[in-house]
């Protein structure tokens, strides 16, 4: 199954949005008595996120690399990073412009 680097970048952004929404929900509804479990939960989430992002960013390039398509593997990885970087820059510009502020 071959996907496009743009699809992988969008999937990464959607994953981040879901995690951010979940963390926002938890921060509003969790009580102060979660002191022991909170660091464990966050470290577990960090580890899981690293695995998800690793899969989205390097699974296809690794397949290409082991199929002997080294140049295509590097290009695919760099294109995924480029698309993800562009989306990230756009998100920062939206945040800095104040769109969505309820002031």
N, C-alpha and C. Protein backbone atom coordinates (compact mmCIF):
# COMPACT_ATOMS: atom_id res chain seq x y z
N UNK A 1 0.84 -1.18 0.00
CA UNK A 1 0.00 0.00 0.00
C UNK A 1 0.88 1.24 0.00
N UNK A 2 0.85 1.98 -1.08
CA UNK A 2 1.65 3.19 -1.16
C UNK A 2 0.73 4.40 -1.01
N UNK A 3 1.12 5.28 -0.13
CA UNK A 3 0.37 6.52 0.06
C UNK A 3 1.21 7.68 -0.43
N UNK A 4 0.60 8.83 -0.46
CA UNK A 4 1.28 10.04 -0.88
C UNK A 4 1.85 10.74 0.36
N UNK A 5 3.01 11.39 0.25
CA UNK A 5 3.56 12.08 1.41
C UNK A 5 2.61 13.11 2.01
N UNK A 6 1.80 13.75 1.16
CA UNK A 6 0.83 14.74 1.66
C UNK A 6 -0.20 14.06 2.56
N UNK A 7 -0.64 12.86 2.18
CA UNK A 7 -1.61 12.11 3.00
C UNK A 7 -1.00 11.78 4.36
N UNK A 8 0.27 11.39 4.39
CA UNK A 8 0.94 11.10 5.66
C UNK A 8 1.03 12.35 6.53
N UNK A 9 1.34 13.49 5.91
CA UNK A 9 1.43 14.75 6.66
C UNK A 9 0.07 15.14 7.23
N UNK A 10 -0.98 14.99 6.43
CA UNK A 10 -2.33 15.30 6.90
C UNK A 10 -2.72 14.36 8.03
N UNK A 11 -2.39 13.08 7.89
CA UNK A 11 -2.70 12.11 8.95
C UNK A 11 -1.99 12.49 10.25
N UNK A 12 -0.75 12.96 10.14
CA UNK A 12 0.00 13.38 11.34
C UNK A 12 -0.68 14.58 11.99
N UNK A 13 -1.11 15.55 11.18
CA UNK A 13 -1.79 16.73 11.73
C UNK A 13 -3.11 16.33 12.38
N UNK A 14 -3.87 15.46 11.73
CA UNK A 14 -5.14 15.01 12.31
C UNK A 14 -4.92 14.27 13.63
N UNK A 15 -3.87 13.48 13.69
CA UNK A 15 -3.54 12.79 14.95
C UNK A 15 -3.23 13.83 16.04
N UNK A 16 -2.46 14.84 15.69
CA UNK A 16 -2.11 15.88 16.66
C UNK A 16 -3.36 16.63 17.12
N UNK A 17 -4.26 16.93 16.19
CA UNK A 17 -5.52 17.61 16.55
C UNK A 17 -6.32 16.75 17.53
N UNK A 18 -6.43 15.45 17.26
CA UNK A 18 -7.16 14.57 18.16
C UNK A 18 -6.53 14.52 19.55
N UNK A 19 -5.22 14.45 19.59
CA UNK A 19 -4.53 14.43 20.89
C UNK A 19 -4.75 15.75 21.63
N UNK A 20 -4.66 16.87 20.91
CA UNK A 20 -4.86 18.19 21.54
C UNK A 20 -6.27 18.32 22.08
N UNK A 21 -7.25 17.86 21.31
CA UNK A 21 -8.63 17.91 21.79
C UNK A 21 -8.81 17.03 23.03
N UNK A 22 -8.22 15.86 23.00
CA UNK A 22 -8.29 14.97 24.16
C UNK A 22 -7.62 15.56 25.39
N UNK A 23 -6.46 16.17 25.19
CA UNK A 23 -5.77 16.78 26.33
C UNK A 23 -6.55 17.97 26.87
N UNK A 24 -7.17 18.74 25.98
CA UNK A 24 -7.99 19.86 26.42
C UNK A 24 -9.17 19.37 27.25
N UNK A 25 -9.81 18.30 26.79
CA UNK A 25 -10.93 17.72 27.53
C UNK A 25 -10.47 17.21 28.90
N UNK A 26 -9.38 16.48 28.93
CA UNK A 26 -8.88 15.91 30.18
C UNK A 26 -8.49 17.02 31.16
N UNK A 27 -7.84 18.07 30.65
CA UNK A 27 -7.41 19.15 31.55
C UNK A 27 -8.59 19.87 32.19
N UNK A 28 -9.73 19.89 31.50
CA UNK A 28 -10.92 20.55 32.06
C UNK A 28 -11.68 19.64 33.02
N UNK A 29 -11.56 18.33 32.85
CA UNK A 29 -12.38 17.41 33.62
C UNK A 29 -11.61 16.57 34.64
N UNK A 30 -10.31 16.60 34.61
CA UNK A 30 -9.53 15.81 35.57
C UNK A 30 -9.42 16.57 36.88
N UNK A 31 -9.52 15.84 37.94
CA UNK A 31 -9.41 16.45 39.26
C UNK A 31 -7.95 16.58 39.68
N UNK A 32 -7.71 17.31 40.75
CA UNK A 32 -6.33 17.51 41.22
C UNK A 32 -5.72 16.28 41.88
N UNK A 33 -6.50 15.23 42.10
CA UNK A 33 -5.99 14.05 42.79
C UNK A 33 -5.39 13.03 41.83
N UNK A 34 -5.04 13.43 40.62
CA UNK A 34 -4.43 12.53 39.63
C UNK A 34 -2.92 12.72 39.58
N UNK A 35 -2.30 13.08 40.68
CA UNK A 35 -0.88 13.40 40.69
C UNK A 35 0.01 12.23 40.31
N UNK A 36 -0.29 11.03 40.77
CA UNK A 36 0.56 9.88 40.50
C UNK A 36 0.41 9.37 39.07
N UNK A 37 -0.81 9.28 38.58
CA UNK A 37 -1.06 8.70 37.27
C UNK A 37 -0.82 9.66 36.11
N UNK A 38 -0.91 10.94 36.34
CA UNK A 38 -0.77 11.91 35.24
C UNK A 38 0.59 11.80 34.54
N UNK A 39 1.71 11.77 35.25
CA UNK A 39 3.00 11.64 34.53
C UNK A 39 3.12 10.33 33.76
N UNK A 40 2.57 9.26 34.33
CA UNK A 40 2.60 7.97 33.64
C UNK A 40 1.78 8.05 32.36
N UNK A 41 0.61 8.66 32.44
CA UNK A 41 -0.25 8.80 31.26
C UNK A 41 0.43 9.65 30.19
N UNK A 42 1.05 10.75 30.58
CA UNK A 42 1.68 11.62 29.60
C UNK A 42 2.91 10.97 28.96
N UNK A 43 3.69 10.25 29.74
CA UNK A 43 4.84 9.55 29.16
C UNK A 43 4.39 8.42 28.23
N UNK A 44 3.30 7.76 28.60
CA UNK A 44 2.75 6.73 27.73
C UNK A 44 2.25 7.33 26.42
N UNK A 45 1.57 8.47 26.53
CA UNK A 45 1.09 9.16 25.34
C UNK A 45 2.25 9.62 24.47
N UNK A 46 3.31 10.12 25.08
CA UNK A 46 4.49 10.55 24.34
C UNK A 46 5.11 9.38 23.57
N UNK A 47 5.23 8.24 24.23
CA UNK A 47 5.79 7.05 23.59
C UNK A 47 4.91 6.57 22.45
N UNK A 48 3.60 6.53 22.69
CA UNK A 48 2.67 6.12 21.65
C UNK A 48 2.72 7.08 20.46
N UNK A 49 2.78 8.37 20.74
CA UNK A 49 2.84 9.38 19.68
C UNK A 49 4.12 9.24 18.86
N UNK A 50 5.23 8.95 19.51
CA UNK A 50 6.48 8.74 18.78
C UNK A 50 6.35 7.56 17.82
N UNK A 51 5.68 6.51 18.26
CA UNK A 51 5.48 5.34 17.40
C UNK A 51 4.57 5.67 16.23
N UNK A 52 3.48 6.39 16.49
CA UNK A 52 2.55 6.77 15.41
C UNK A 52 3.25 7.66 14.40
N UNK A 53 3.96 8.67 14.87
CA UNK A 53 4.65 9.59 13.95
C UNK A 53 5.77 8.85 13.20
N UNK A 54 6.45 7.96 13.89
CA UNK A 54 7.47 7.17 13.21
C UNK A 54 6.88 6.36 12.08
N UNK A 55 5.73 5.75 12.34
CA UNK A 55 5.06 4.98 11.30
C UNK A 55 4.66 5.88 10.13
N UNK A 56 4.04 7.02 10.43
CA UNK A 56 3.57 7.91 9.37
C UNK A 56 4.71 8.49 8.54
N UNK A 57 5.85 8.75 9.18
CA UNK A 57 6.93 9.43 8.48
C UNK A 57 7.94 8.48 7.84
N UNK A 58 8.14 7.29 8.41
CA UNK A 58 9.22 6.45 7.88
C UNK A 58 8.83 5.07 7.39
N UNK A 59 7.59 4.64 7.57
CA UNK A 59 7.25 3.28 7.13
C UNK A 59 7.38 3.12 5.62
N UNK A 60 6.83 4.04 4.86
CA UNK A 60 6.93 3.94 3.40
C UNK A 60 8.37 4.14 2.92
N UNK A 61 9.11 5.13 3.43
CA UNK A 61 10.50 5.25 3.00
C UNK A 61 11.34 4.00 3.31
N UNK A 62 11.08 3.35 4.43
CA UNK A 62 11.83 2.13 4.76
C UNK A 62 11.51 1.03 3.76
N UNK A 63 10.23 0.91 3.41
CA UNK A 63 9.85 -0.10 2.40
C UNK A 63 10.57 0.18 1.08
N UNK A 64 10.55 1.44 0.67
CA UNK A 64 11.22 1.81 -0.58
C UNK A 64 12.72 1.51 -0.49
N UNK A 65 13.32 1.85 0.63
CA UNK A 65 14.76 1.65 0.81
C UNK A 65 15.11 0.17 0.68
N UNK A 66 14.35 -0.69 1.34
CA UNK A 66 14.65 -2.13 1.28
C UNK A 66 14.26 -2.77 -0.05
N UNK A 67 13.46 -2.06 -0.83
CA UNK A 67 13.16 -2.52 -2.19
C UNK A 67 14.23 -2.06 -3.18
N UNK A 68 15.29 -1.42 -2.65
CA UNK A 68 16.38 -0.96 -3.49
C UNK A 68 16.16 0.41 -4.10
N UNK A 69 15.13 1.11 -3.69
CA UNK A 69 14.81 2.43 -4.23
C UNK A 69 15.24 3.49 -3.22
N UNK A 70 16.56 3.60 -3.03
CA UNK A 70 17.10 4.48 -2.00
C UNK A 70 16.79 5.95 -2.27
N UNK A 71 16.94 6.37 -3.52
CA UNK A 71 16.69 7.77 -3.87
C UNK A 71 15.21 8.11 -3.64
N UNK A 72 14.32 7.23 -4.07
CA UNK A 72 12.89 7.46 -3.87
C UNK A 72 12.54 7.49 -2.39
N UNK A 73 13.21 6.65 -1.59
CA UNK A 73 12.96 6.62 -0.15
C UNK A 73 13.30 7.96 0.49
N UNK A 74 14.45 8.50 0.14
CA UNK A 74 14.85 9.80 0.70
C UNK A 74 13.91 10.89 0.23
N UNK A 75 13.55 10.87 -1.06
CA UNK A 75 12.63 11.88 -1.59
C UNK A 75 11.27 11.81 -0.90
N UNK A 76 10.77 10.61 -0.71
CA UNK A 76 9.47 10.42 -0.05
C UNK A 76 9.50 11.00 1.36
N UNK A 77 10.55 10.65 2.11
CA UNK A 77 10.68 11.15 3.48
C UNK A 77 10.77 12.67 3.50
N UNK A 78 11.59 13.24 2.63
CA UNK A 78 11.74 14.70 2.60
C UNK A 78 10.46 15.39 2.16
N UNK A 79 9.73 14.79 1.24
CA UNK A 79 8.45 15.38 0.82
C UNK A 79 7.45 15.35 1.97
N UNK A 80 7.42 14.26 2.72
CA UNK A 80 6.53 14.20 3.88
C UNK A 80 6.90 15.29 4.88
N UNK A 81 8.18 15.46 5.15
CA UNK A 81 8.62 16.53 6.06
C UNK A 81 8.27 17.91 5.52
N UNK A 82 8.43 18.10 4.22
CA UNK A 82 8.11 19.38 3.61
C UNK A 82 6.63 19.70 3.76
N UNK A 83 5.76 18.75 3.43
CA UNK A 83 4.32 18.98 3.57
C UNK A 83 3.95 19.23 5.03
N UNK A 84 4.50 18.43 5.94
CA UNK A 84 4.21 18.62 7.36
C UNK A 84 4.71 19.98 7.84
N UNK A 85 5.90 20.37 7.41
CA UNK A 85 6.45 21.67 7.78
C UNK A 85 5.59 22.82 7.26
N UNK A 86 5.11 22.71 6.03
CA UNK A 86 4.26 23.76 5.46
C UNK A 86 2.95 23.88 6.22
N UNK A 87 2.35 22.74 6.54
CA UNK A 87 1.10 22.76 7.31
C UNK A 87 1.34 23.37 8.69
N UNK A 88 2.47 23.02 9.31
CA UNK A 88 2.81 23.55 10.62
C UNK A 88 3.00 25.06 10.56
N UNK A 89 3.68 25.56 9.55
CA UNK A 89 3.88 27.00 9.39
C UNK A 89 2.54 27.70 9.21
N UNK A 90 1.66 27.12 8.40
CA UNK A 90 0.33 27.70 8.21
C UNK A 90 -0.43 27.75 9.53
N UNK A 91 -0.35 26.69 10.32
CA UNK A 91 -1.01 26.68 11.63
C UNK A 91 -0.46 27.77 12.54
N UNK A 92 0.86 27.94 12.55
CA UNK A 92 1.45 29.00 13.37
C UNK A 92 1.01 30.38 12.89
N UNK A 93 0.93 30.58 11.60
CA UNK A 93 0.47 31.86 11.07
C UNK A 93 -0.98 32.14 11.45
N UNK A 94 -1.79 31.10 11.42
CA UNK A 94 -3.20 31.26 11.85
C UNK A 94 -3.26 31.62 13.33
N UNK A 95 -2.47 30.93 14.14
CA UNK A 95 -2.46 31.22 15.58
C UNK A 95 -1.98 32.65 15.84
N UNK A 96 -0.92 33.05 15.15
CA UNK A 96 -0.37 34.40 15.36
C UNK A 96 -1.30 35.49 14.83
N UNK A 97 -2.12 35.17 13.84
CA UNK A 97 -3.05 36.17 13.30
C UNK A 97 -4.23 36.41 14.23
N UNK A 98 -4.44 35.50 15.18
CA UNK A 98 -5.52 35.67 16.13
C UNK A 98 -6.86 35.11 15.65
N UNK A 99 -6.87 34.39 14.55
CA UNK A 99 -8.11 33.80 14.06
C UNK A 99 -8.64 32.82 15.11
N UNK A 100 -9.90 32.95 15.44
CA UNK A 100 -10.52 32.05 16.39
C UNK A 100 -10.44 32.52 17.83
N UNK A 101 -9.81 33.66 18.07
CA UNK A 101 -9.77 34.19 19.44
C UNK A 101 -11.14 34.72 19.81
N UNK A 102 -11.54 34.49 21.01
CA UNK A 102 -12.85 34.93 21.49
C UNK A 102 -12.72 36.17 22.35
N UNK A 103 -12.00 37.15 21.86
CA UNK A 103 -11.81 38.38 22.65
C UNK A 103 -12.88 39.39 22.35
